[in-house]
Amino acid sequence: MEVVVVLIVLGILAVIAINRLEPRNPHAMAEADALRSVLRYAQSRAMSDVYTWGVRFTSSSYALVTGNSSQTPVLLGQDTATHTLPDGVACSWALSGGGDTIWFNWRGEPVTGIISTLGGTAAKAGGPQTVTLTESGLGVTVTVTPYTGFVP
């Protein structure tokens, strides 16, 4: 009889533990992974161009942007430059140099301004660029490392 009671108690504890291990912000986690890909894509495009490429943020979306007026930015797999976040997911950011856009120069470095002319320059971002996607009060942070542009 005691073995049965112990097994029942262990079963209840296992169910409680499994429920606590499940993430409570799965949409924010998925959107953070997608945002990392878009940031890497913007960096890649900037490294193959003399103009800056970047990602501009609002509280409910982000968009691929460029300083090259002859290019029309389009997100991979979509027919638009803007991605709208799902309901319940909000975006906030803290960018070195201020603003609402993470820009990359032709070396893949994050910079604080736009390069829209041949031979133009922009100051390098002096600190990390962070974007936080929040769902149910839980945030997932995406960081762009200064100088290298590494997106972990």
N, C-alpha and C. Protein backbone atom coordinates (compact mmCIF):
# COMPACT_ATOMS: atom_id res chain seq x y z
N MET A 1 0.82 -1.20 0.00
CA MET A 1 0.00 0.00 0.00
C MET A 1 0.87 1.27 0.00
N GLU A 2 1.95 1.25 0.80
CA GLU A 2 2.80 2.43 0.87
C GLU A 2 3.46 2.71 -0.47
N VAL A 3 3.78 1.66 -1.22
CA VAL A 3 4.40 1.83 -2.52
C VAL A 3 3.45 2.56 -3.46
N VAL A 4 2.18 2.23 -3.42
CA VAL A 4 1.18 2.87 -4.27
C VAL A 4 1.07 4.35 -3.92
N VAL A 5 1.03 4.68 -2.65
CA VAL A 5 0.94 6.07 -2.22
C VAL A 5 2.17 6.85 -2.67
N VAL A 6 3.35 6.26 -2.52
CA VAL A 6 4.58 6.92 -2.94
C VAL A 6 4.56 7.16 -4.45
N LEU A 7 4.11 6.19 -5.22
CA LEU A 7 4.04 6.35 -6.67
C LEU A 7 3.05 7.44 -7.07
N ILE A 8 1.94 7.52 -6.38
CA ILE A 8 0.95 8.57 -6.67
C ILE A 8 1.55 9.95 -6.37
N VAL A 9 2.20 10.08 -5.23
CA VAL A 9 2.83 11.36 -4.86
C VAL A 9 3.91 11.73 -5.87
N LEU A 10 4.73 10.78 -6.28
CA LEU A 10 5.76 11.05 -7.29
C LEU A 10 5.14 11.47 -8.62
N GLY A 11 4.04 10.84 -9.00
CA GLY A 11 3.35 11.22 -10.23
C GLY A 11 2.85 12.65 -10.18
N ILE A 12 2.26 13.03 -9.05
CA ILE A 12 1.77 14.40 -8.90
C ILE A 12 2.93 15.40 -8.96
N LEU A 13 4.02 15.10 -8.27
CA LEU A 13 5.19 15.98 -8.31
C LEU A 13 5.78 16.09 -9.72
N ALA A 14 5.77 14.99 -10.46
CA ALA A 14 6.29 15.01 -11.83
C ALA A 14 5.44 15.92 -12.72
N VAL A 15 4.12 15.84 -12.58
CA VAL A 15 3.22 16.69 -13.38
C VAL A 15 3.47 18.16 -13.05
N ILE A 16 3.62 18.48 -11.78
CA ILE A 16 3.88 19.87 -11.38
C ILE A 16 5.21 20.35 -11.94
N ALA A 17 6.23 19.52 -11.87
CA ALA A 17 7.56 19.90 -12.37
C ALA A 17 7.54 20.12 -13.88
N ILE A 18 6.86 19.26 -14.61
CA ILE A 18 6.80 19.40 -16.07
C ILE A 18 6.07 20.68 -16.46
N ASN A 19 4.98 21.00 -15.76
CA ASN A 19 4.26 22.24 -16.07
C ASN A 19 5.11 23.47 -15.81
N ARG A 20 5.97 23.43 -14.82
CA ARG A 20 6.82 24.58 -14.52
C ARG A 20 7.96 24.72 -15.52
N LEU A 21 8.34 23.64 -16.18
CA LEU A 21 9.44 23.68 -17.14
C LEU A 21 9.02 24.24 -18.49
N GLU A 22 7.74 24.18 -18.80
CA GLU A 22 7.27 24.69 -20.09
C GLU A 22 7.38 26.21 -20.10
N PRO A 23 7.88 26.78 -21.19
CA PRO A 23 7.99 28.24 -21.25
C PRO A 23 6.61 28.88 -21.30
N ARG A 24 6.50 30.04 -20.64
CA ARG A 24 5.23 30.75 -20.64
C ARG A 24 5.21 31.87 -21.68
N ASN A 25 6.26 31.94 -22.48
CA ASN A 25 6.32 32.96 -23.52
C ASN A 25 6.81 32.35 -24.85
N PRO A 26 6.14 31.31 -25.34
CA PRO A 26 6.65 30.64 -26.55
C PRO A 26 6.64 31.53 -27.79
N HIS A 27 5.66 32.42 -27.90
CA HIS A 27 5.61 33.29 -29.08
C HIS A 27 6.77 34.28 -29.07
N ALA A 28 7.07 34.83 -27.90
CA ALA A 28 8.20 35.77 -27.79
C ALA A 28 9.51 35.06 -28.11
N MET A 29 9.65 33.82 -27.66
CA MET A 29 10.88 33.07 -27.94
C MET A 29 11.03 32.81 -29.43
N ALA A 30 9.93 32.44 -30.09
CA ALA A 30 9.97 32.19 -31.53
C ALA A 30 10.25 33.48 -32.30
N GLU A 31 9.63 34.57 -31.88
CA GLU A 31 9.86 35.86 -32.54
C GLU A 31 11.30 36.33 -32.34
N ALA A 32 11.89 36.05 -31.19
CA ALA A 32 13.29 36.43 -30.95
C ALA A 32 14.21 35.67 -31.90
N ASP A 33 13.94 34.39 -32.12
CA ASP A 33 14.74 33.63 -33.08
C ASP A 33 14.61 34.20 -34.49
N ALA A 34 13.38 34.56 -34.87
CA ALA A 34 13.16 35.14 -36.19
C ALA A 34 13.87 36.50 -36.31
N LEU A 35 13.82 37.29 -35.24
CA LEU A 35 14.49 38.60 -35.25
C LEU A 35 16.00 38.44 -35.39
N ARG A 36 16.57 37.46 -34.73
CA ARG A 36 18.01 37.21 -34.87
C ARG A 36 18.36 36.94 -36.34
N SER A 37 17.52 36.16 -37.00
CA SER A 37 17.75 35.86 -38.42
C SER A 37 17.66 37.12 -39.27
N VAL A 38 16.69 37.97 -38.99
CA VAL A 38 16.53 39.20 -39.77
C VAL A 38 17.71 40.14 -39.53
N LEU A 39 18.19 40.22 -38.30
CA LEU A 39 19.37 41.06 -38.02
C LEU A 39 20.59 40.54 -38.77
N ARG A 40 20.77 39.24 -38.79
CA ARG A 40 21.91 38.66 -39.52
C ARG A 40 21.76 38.90 -41.03
N TYR A 41 20.53 38.84 -41.52
CA TYR A 41 20.29 39.11 -42.94
C TYR A 41 20.61 40.57 -43.26
N ALA A 42 20.16 41.50 -42.42
CA ALA A 42 20.46 42.92 -42.64
C ALA A 42 21.96 43.16 -42.63
N GLN A 43 22.65 42.51 -41.71
CA GLN A 43 24.11 42.63 -41.64
C GLN A 43 24.76 42.09 -42.91
N SER A 44 24.28 40.96 -43.38
CA SER A 44 24.81 40.36 -44.61
C SER A 44 24.59 41.28 -45.81
N ARG A 45 23.39 41.86 -45.91
CA ARG A 45 23.11 42.78 -47.02
C ARG A 45 24.00 44.02 -46.94
N ALA A 46 24.23 44.53 -45.74
CA ALA A 46 25.09 45.71 -45.58
C ALA A 46 26.52 45.40 -46.00
N MET A 47 26.97 44.19 -45.73
CA MET A 47 28.34 43.82 -46.07
C MET A 47 28.53 43.64 -47.57
N SER A 48 27.45 43.54 -48.32
CA SER A 48 27.56 43.42 -49.77
C SER A 48 27.12 44.71 -50.46
N ASP A 49 27.08 45.82 -49.72
CA ASP A 49 26.61 47.09 -50.25
C ASP A 49 27.47 48.20 -49.62
N VAL A 50 27.49 49.37 -50.21
CA VAL A 50 28.22 50.49 -49.63
C VAL A 50 27.31 51.33 -48.73
N TYR A 51 26.04 51.02 -48.72
CA TYR A 51 25.06 51.73 -47.90
C TYR A 51 24.73 50.90 -46.66
N THR A 52 24.18 51.56 -45.65
CA THR A 52 23.78 50.84 -44.45
C THR A 52 22.48 50.08 -44.69
N TRP A 53 22.35 48.97 -43.99
CA TRP A 53 21.12 48.20 -43.92
C TRP A 53 20.83 48.02 -42.44
N GLY A 54 19.56 47.89 -42.10
CA GLY A 54 19.24 47.73 -40.70
C GLY A 54 17.83 47.24 -40.47
N VAL A 55 17.46 47.24 -39.20
CA VAL A 55 16.12 46.82 -38.78
C VAL A 55 15.56 47.92 -37.90
N ARG A 56 14.37 48.43 -38.28
CA ARG A 56 13.69 49.50 -37.54
C ARG A 56 12.57 48.89 -36.71
N PHE A 57 12.42 49.38 -35.47
CA PHE A 57 11.48 48.79 -34.53
C PHE A 57 10.34 49.73 -34.17
N THR A 58 9.16 49.14 -33.96
CA THR A 58 8.04 49.80 -33.29
C THR A 58 7.63 48.86 -32.16
N SER A 59 6.66 49.25 -31.38
CA SER A 59 6.25 48.40 -30.26
C SER A 59 5.56 47.12 -30.72
N SER A 60 5.10 47.09 -31.98
CA SER A 60 4.36 45.91 -32.45
C SER A 60 4.90 45.32 -33.75
N SER A 61 6.05 45.81 -34.23
CA SER A 61 6.58 45.29 -35.49
C SER A 61 8.06 45.65 -35.64
N TYR A 62 8.67 45.09 -36.68
CA TYR A 62 10.00 45.52 -37.09
C TYR A 62 10.07 45.44 -38.61
N ALA A 63 10.98 46.22 -39.20
CA ALA A 63 11.06 46.30 -40.66
C ALA A 63 12.51 46.34 -41.11
N LEU A 64 12.79 45.69 -42.22
CA LEU A 64 14.09 45.76 -42.86
C LEU A 64 14.18 47.08 -43.61
N VAL A 65 15.26 47.84 -43.41
CA VAL A 65 15.42 49.15 -44.04
C VAL A 65 16.83 49.28 -44.60
N THR A 66 17.00 50.22 -45.54
CA THR A 66 18.31 50.46 -46.13
C THR A 66 18.49 51.95 -46.42
N GLY A 67 19.75 52.36 -46.47
CA GLY A 67 20.07 53.72 -46.88
C GLY A 67 20.20 53.85 -48.38
N ASN A 68 20.09 52.73 -49.10
CA ASN A 68 20.22 52.70 -50.55
C ASN A 68 18.85 52.96 -51.18
N SER A 69 18.66 54.15 -51.72
CA SER A 69 17.35 54.51 -52.27
C SER A 69 16.98 53.72 -53.52
N SER A 70 17.95 53.03 -54.13
CA SER A 70 17.63 52.24 -55.33
C SER A 70 17.22 50.81 -54.98
N GLN A 71 17.25 50.46 -53.72
CA GLN A 71 16.88 49.11 -53.27
C GLN A 71 15.53 49.15 -52.55
N THR A 72 14.74 48.10 -52.74
CA THR A 72 13.51 47.93 -51.99
C THR A 72 13.70 46.74 -51.05
N PRO A 73 13.84 47.00 -49.75
CA PRO A 73 14.08 45.89 -48.84
C PRO A 73 12.86 44.98 -48.71
N VAL A 74 13.11 43.69 -48.71
CA VAL A 74 12.05 42.69 -48.54
C VAL A 74 12.59 41.60 -47.62
N LEU A 75 11.82 41.24 -46.61
CA LEU A 75 12.23 40.17 -45.71
C LEU A 75 12.22 38.84 -46.45
N LEU A 76 13.16 37.97 -46.10
CA LEU A 76 13.22 36.66 -46.74
C LEU A 76 11.93 35.89 -46.51
N GLY A 77 11.42 35.28 -47.56
CA GLY A 77 10.21 34.48 -47.46
C GLY A 77 8.93 35.28 -47.36
N GLN A 78 9.02 36.61 -47.50
CA GLN A 78 7.83 37.45 -47.43
C GLN A 78 7.85 38.41 -48.61
N ASP A 79 6.75 39.09 -48.82
CA ASP A 79 6.70 40.05 -49.92
C ASP A 79 6.66 41.49 -49.40
N THR A 80 7.10 41.67 -48.18
CA THR A 80 7.08 42.98 -47.56
C THR A 80 8.33 43.16 -46.70
N ALA A 81 8.61 44.40 -46.33
CA ALA A 81 9.77 44.68 -45.48
C ALA A 81 9.41 44.64 -44.00
N THR A 82 8.12 44.62 -43.68
CA THR A 82 7.67 44.72 -42.30
C THR A 82 7.11 43.41 -41.79
N HIS A 83 7.49 43.06 -40.56
CA HIS A 83 6.94 41.89 -39.89
C HIS A 83 6.18 42.36 -38.66
N THR A 84 4.91 42.02 -38.58
CA THR A 84 4.08 42.39 -37.44
C THR A 84 4.13 41.28 -36.39
N LEU A 85 4.37 41.67 -35.16
CA LEU A 85 4.43 40.70 -34.07
C LEU A 85 3.03 40.17 -33.74
N PRO A 86 2.92 38.93 -33.29
CA PRO A 86 1.60 38.39 -32.95
C PRO A 86 1.01 39.10 -31.74
N ASP A 87 -0.30 39.00 -31.60
CA ASP A 87 -0.98 39.60 -30.44
C ASP A 87 -0.36 39.06 -29.15
N GLY A 88 -0.17 39.94 -28.20
CA GLY A 88 0.39 39.53 -26.92
C GLY A 88 1.90 39.65 -26.83
N VAL A 89 2.57 39.93 -27.95
CA VAL A 89 4.03 40.10 -27.95
C VAL A 89 4.33 41.58 -28.22
N ALA A 90 5.13 42.18 -27.34
CA ALA A 90 5.49 43.59 -27.48
C ALA A 90 7.00 43.71 -27.62
N CYS A 91 7.41 44.79 -28.27
CA CYS A 91 8.83 45.02 -28.55
C CYS A 91 9.28 46.31 -27.87
N SER A 92 10.45 46.25 -27.23
CA SER A 92 11.09 47.45 -26.69
C SER A 92 12.57 47.35 -27.01
N TRP A 93 13.27 48.48 -27.00
CA TRP A 93 14.67 48.47 -27.42
C TRP A 93 15.47 49.51 -26.64
N ALA A 94 16.77 49.23 -26.55
CA ALA A 94 17.73 50.17 -25.96
C ALA A 94 18.95 50.14 -26.87
N LEU A 95 19.07 51.17 -27.71
CA LEU A 95 20.12 51.19 -28.72
C LEU A 95 21.18 52.22 -28.36
N SER A 96 22.43 51.82 -28.46
CA SER A 96 23.55 52.73 -28.24
C SER A 96 23.47 53.82 -29.31
N GLY A 97 23.43 55.05 -28.90
CA GLY A 97 23.28 56.14 -29.85
C GLY A 97 21.84 56.58 -30.02
N GLY A 98 20.91 55.87 -29.37
CA GLY A 98 19.49 56.23 -29.44
C GLY A 98 18.84 55.76 -30.73
N GLY A 99 17.67 56.27 -30.99
CA GLY A 99 16.94 55.93 -32.20
C GLY A 99 16.13 54.66 -32.07
N ASP A 100 15.58 54.25 -33.21
CA ASP A 100 14.73 53.06 -33.24
C ASP A 100 15.19 52.05 -34.28
N THR A 101 16.43 52.20 -34.77
CA THR A 101 16.93 51.33 -35.83
C THR A 101 18.34 50.83 -35.50
N ILE A 102 18.56 49.54 -35.71
CA ILE A 102 19.90 48.98 -35.64
C ILE A 102 20.44 48.99 -37.06
N TRP A 103 21.49 49.79 -37.30
CA TRP A 103 22.10 49.91 -38.62
C TRP A 103 23.41 49.13 -38.66
N PHE A 104 23.75 48.59 -39.84
CA PHE A 104 25.04 47.93 -40.06
C PHE A 104 25.74 48.59 -41.23
N ASN A 105 27.06 48.77 -41.13
CA ASN A 105 27.83 49.34 -42.24
C ASN A 105 28.39 48.22 -43.12
N TRP A 106 29.21 48.60 -44.10
CA TRP A 106 29.73 47.64 -45.07
C TRP A 106 30.68 46.62 -44.45
N ARG A 107 31.11 46.85 -43.22
CA ARG A 107 31.96 45.88 -42.53
C ARG A 107 31.15 44.97 -41.60
N GLY A 108 29.84 45.18 -41.55
CA GLY A 108 28.99 44.39 -40.66
C GLY A 108 28.95 44.90 -39.24
N GLU A 109 29.53 46.09 -39.02
CA GLU A 109 29.56 46.67 -37.69
C GLU A 109 28.27 47.45 -37.42
N PRO A 110 27.73 47.37 -36.21
CA PRO A 110 26.58 48.22 -35.90
C PRO A 110 27.03 49.68 -35.80
N VAL A 111 26.28 50.56 -36.43
CA VAL A 111 26.59 51.99 -36.43
C VAL A 111 25.36 52.76 -35.95
N THR A 112 25.58 54.03 -35.59
CA THR A 112 24.49 54.82 -35.00
C THR A 112 23.73 55.66 -36.02
N GLY A 113 24.16 55.67 -37.26
CA GLY A 113 23.48 56.49 -38.25
C GLY A 113 23.40 55.80 -39.59
N ILE A 114 22.72 56.45 -40.50
CA ILE A 114 22.49 55.90 -41.83
C ILE A 114 23.57 56.40 -42.79
N ILE A 115 24.00 55.54 -43.68
CA ILE A 115 24.91 55.93 -44.77
C ILE A 115 24.08 55.85 -46.05
N SER A 116 23.80 57.01 -46.62
CA SER A 116 22.95 57.04 -47.81
C SER A 116 23.65 57.64 -49.02
N THR A 117 24.95 57.92 -48.90
CA THR A 117 25.71 58.44 -50.03
C THR A 117 26.99 57.63 -50.18
N LEU A 118 27.48 57.55 -51.41
CA LEU A 118 28.74 56.85 -51.64
C LEU A 118 29.85 57.52 -50.85
N GLY A 119 30.65 56.74 -50.16
CA GLY A 119 31.74 57.28 -49.37
C GLY A 119 31.32 57.83 -48.03
N GLY A 120 30.04 57.74 -47.70
CA GLY A 120 29.56 58.25 -46.41
C GLY A 120 30.03 57.38 -45.26
N THR A 121 30.02 57.95 -44.08
CA THR A 121 30.41 57.21 -42.88
C THR A 121 29.38 57.42 -41.78
N ALA A 122 29.43 56.55 -40.81
CA ALA A 122 28.57 56.67 -39.63
C ALA A 122 29.37 56.21 -38.42
N ALA A 123 29.10 56.81 -37.28
CA ALA A 123 29.81 56.45 -36.05
C ALA A 123 29.44 55.04 -35.62
N LYS A 124 30.43 54.31 -35.14
CA LYS A 124 30.18 52.96 -34.65
C LYS A 124 29.40 53.02 -33.34
N ALA A 125 28.52 52.07 -33.16
CA ALA A 125 27.77 51.98 -31.91
C ALA A 125 28.75 51.63 -30.79
N GLY A 126 28.74 52.40 -29.73
CA GLY A 126 29.70 52.21 -28.65
C GLY A 126 29.31 51.17 -27.63
N GLY A 127 28.09 50.73 -27.66
CA GLY A 127 27.63 49.74 -26.68
C GLY A 127 26.72 48.73 -27.34
N PRO A 128 26.26 47.76 -26.58
CA PRO A 128 25.39 46.75 -27.15
C PRO A 128 24.04 47.33 -27.56
N GLN A 129 23.49 46.77 -28.62
CA GLN A 129 22.15 47.13 -29.09
C GLN A 129 21.23 46.02 -28.60
N THR A 130 20.23 46.34 -27.80
CA THR A 130 19.36 45.29 -27.26
C THR A 130 17.91 45.54 -27.63
N VAL A 131 17.24 44.46 -27.97
CA VAL A 131 15.81 44.48 -28.27
C VAL A 131 15.18 43.40 -27.39
N THR A 132 14.10 43.75 -26.71
CA THR A 132 13.42 42.80 -25.84
C THR A 132 12.01 42.56 -26.35
N LEU A 133 11.69 41.29 -26.56
CA LEU A 133 10.34 40.88 -26.94
C LEU A 133 9.68 40.29 -25.71
N THR A 134 8.52 40.84 -25.33
CA THR A 134 7.87 40.47 -24.09
C THR A 134 6.51 39.84 -24.35
N GLU A 135 6.24 38.76 -23.62
CA GLU A 135 4.94 38.09 -23.67
C GLU A 135 4.62 37.61 -22.26
N SER A 136 3.42 37.88 -21.80
CA SER A 136 2.97 37.47 -20.46
C SER A 136 3.93 37.95 -19.38
N GLY A 137 4.50 39.12 -19.56
CA GLY A 137 5.40 39.68 -18.57
C GLY A 137 6.81 39.11 -18.59
N LEU A 138 7.07 38.16 -19.47
CA LEU A 138 8.39 37.54 -19.56
C LEU A 138 9.08 38.00 -20.84
N GLY A 139 10.30 38.48 -20.72
CA GLY A 139 11.01 39.02 -21.87
C GLY A 139 12.10 38.10 -22.38
N VAL A 140 12.34 38.19 -23.69
CA VAL A 140 13.45 37.51 -24.35
C VAL A 140 14.27 38.62 -25.01
N THR A 141 15.55 38.70 -24.67
CA THR A 141 16.39 39.78 -25.16
C THR A 141 17.29 39.30 -26.30
N VAL A 142 17.34 40.10 -27.35
CA VAL A 142 18.23 39.87 -28.49
C VAL A 142 19.27 40.99 -28.45
N THR A 143 20.54 40.63 -28.51
CA THR A 143 21.62 41.61 -28.39
C THR A 143 22.51 41.57 -29.62
N VAL A 144 22.88 42.76 -30.10
CA VAL A 144 23.88 42.89 -31.16
C VAL A 144 25.13 43.45 -30.49
N THR A 145 26.23 42.71 -30.61
CA THR A 145 27.48 43.07 -29.95
C THR A 145 28.14 44.25 -30.67
N PRO A 146 28.64 45.25 -29.90
CA PRO A 146 29.30 46.38 -30.56
C PRO A 146 30.58 45.94 -31.27
N TYR A 147 30.94 46.67 -32.29
CA TYR A 147 32.16 46.50 -33.10
C TYR A 147 32.12 45.28 -34.01
N THR A 148 31.66 44.14 -33.53
CA THR A 148 31.66 42.94 -34.38
C THR A 148 30.32 42.70 -35.04
N GLY A 149 29.24 43.15 -34.42
CA GLY A 149 27.92 42.89 -34.95
C GLY A 149 27.42 41.48 -34.68
N PHE A 150 28.14 40.74 -33.83
CA PHE A 150 27.74 39.37 -33.52
C PHE A 150 26.37 39.35 -32.86
N VAL A 151 25.51 38.46 -33.35
CA VAL A 151 24.16 38.29 -32.80
C VAL A 151 24.09 36.88 -32.19
N PRO A 152 24.29 36.76 -30.87
CA PRO A 152 24.27 35.42 -30.25
C PRO A 152 22.89 34.81 -30.22
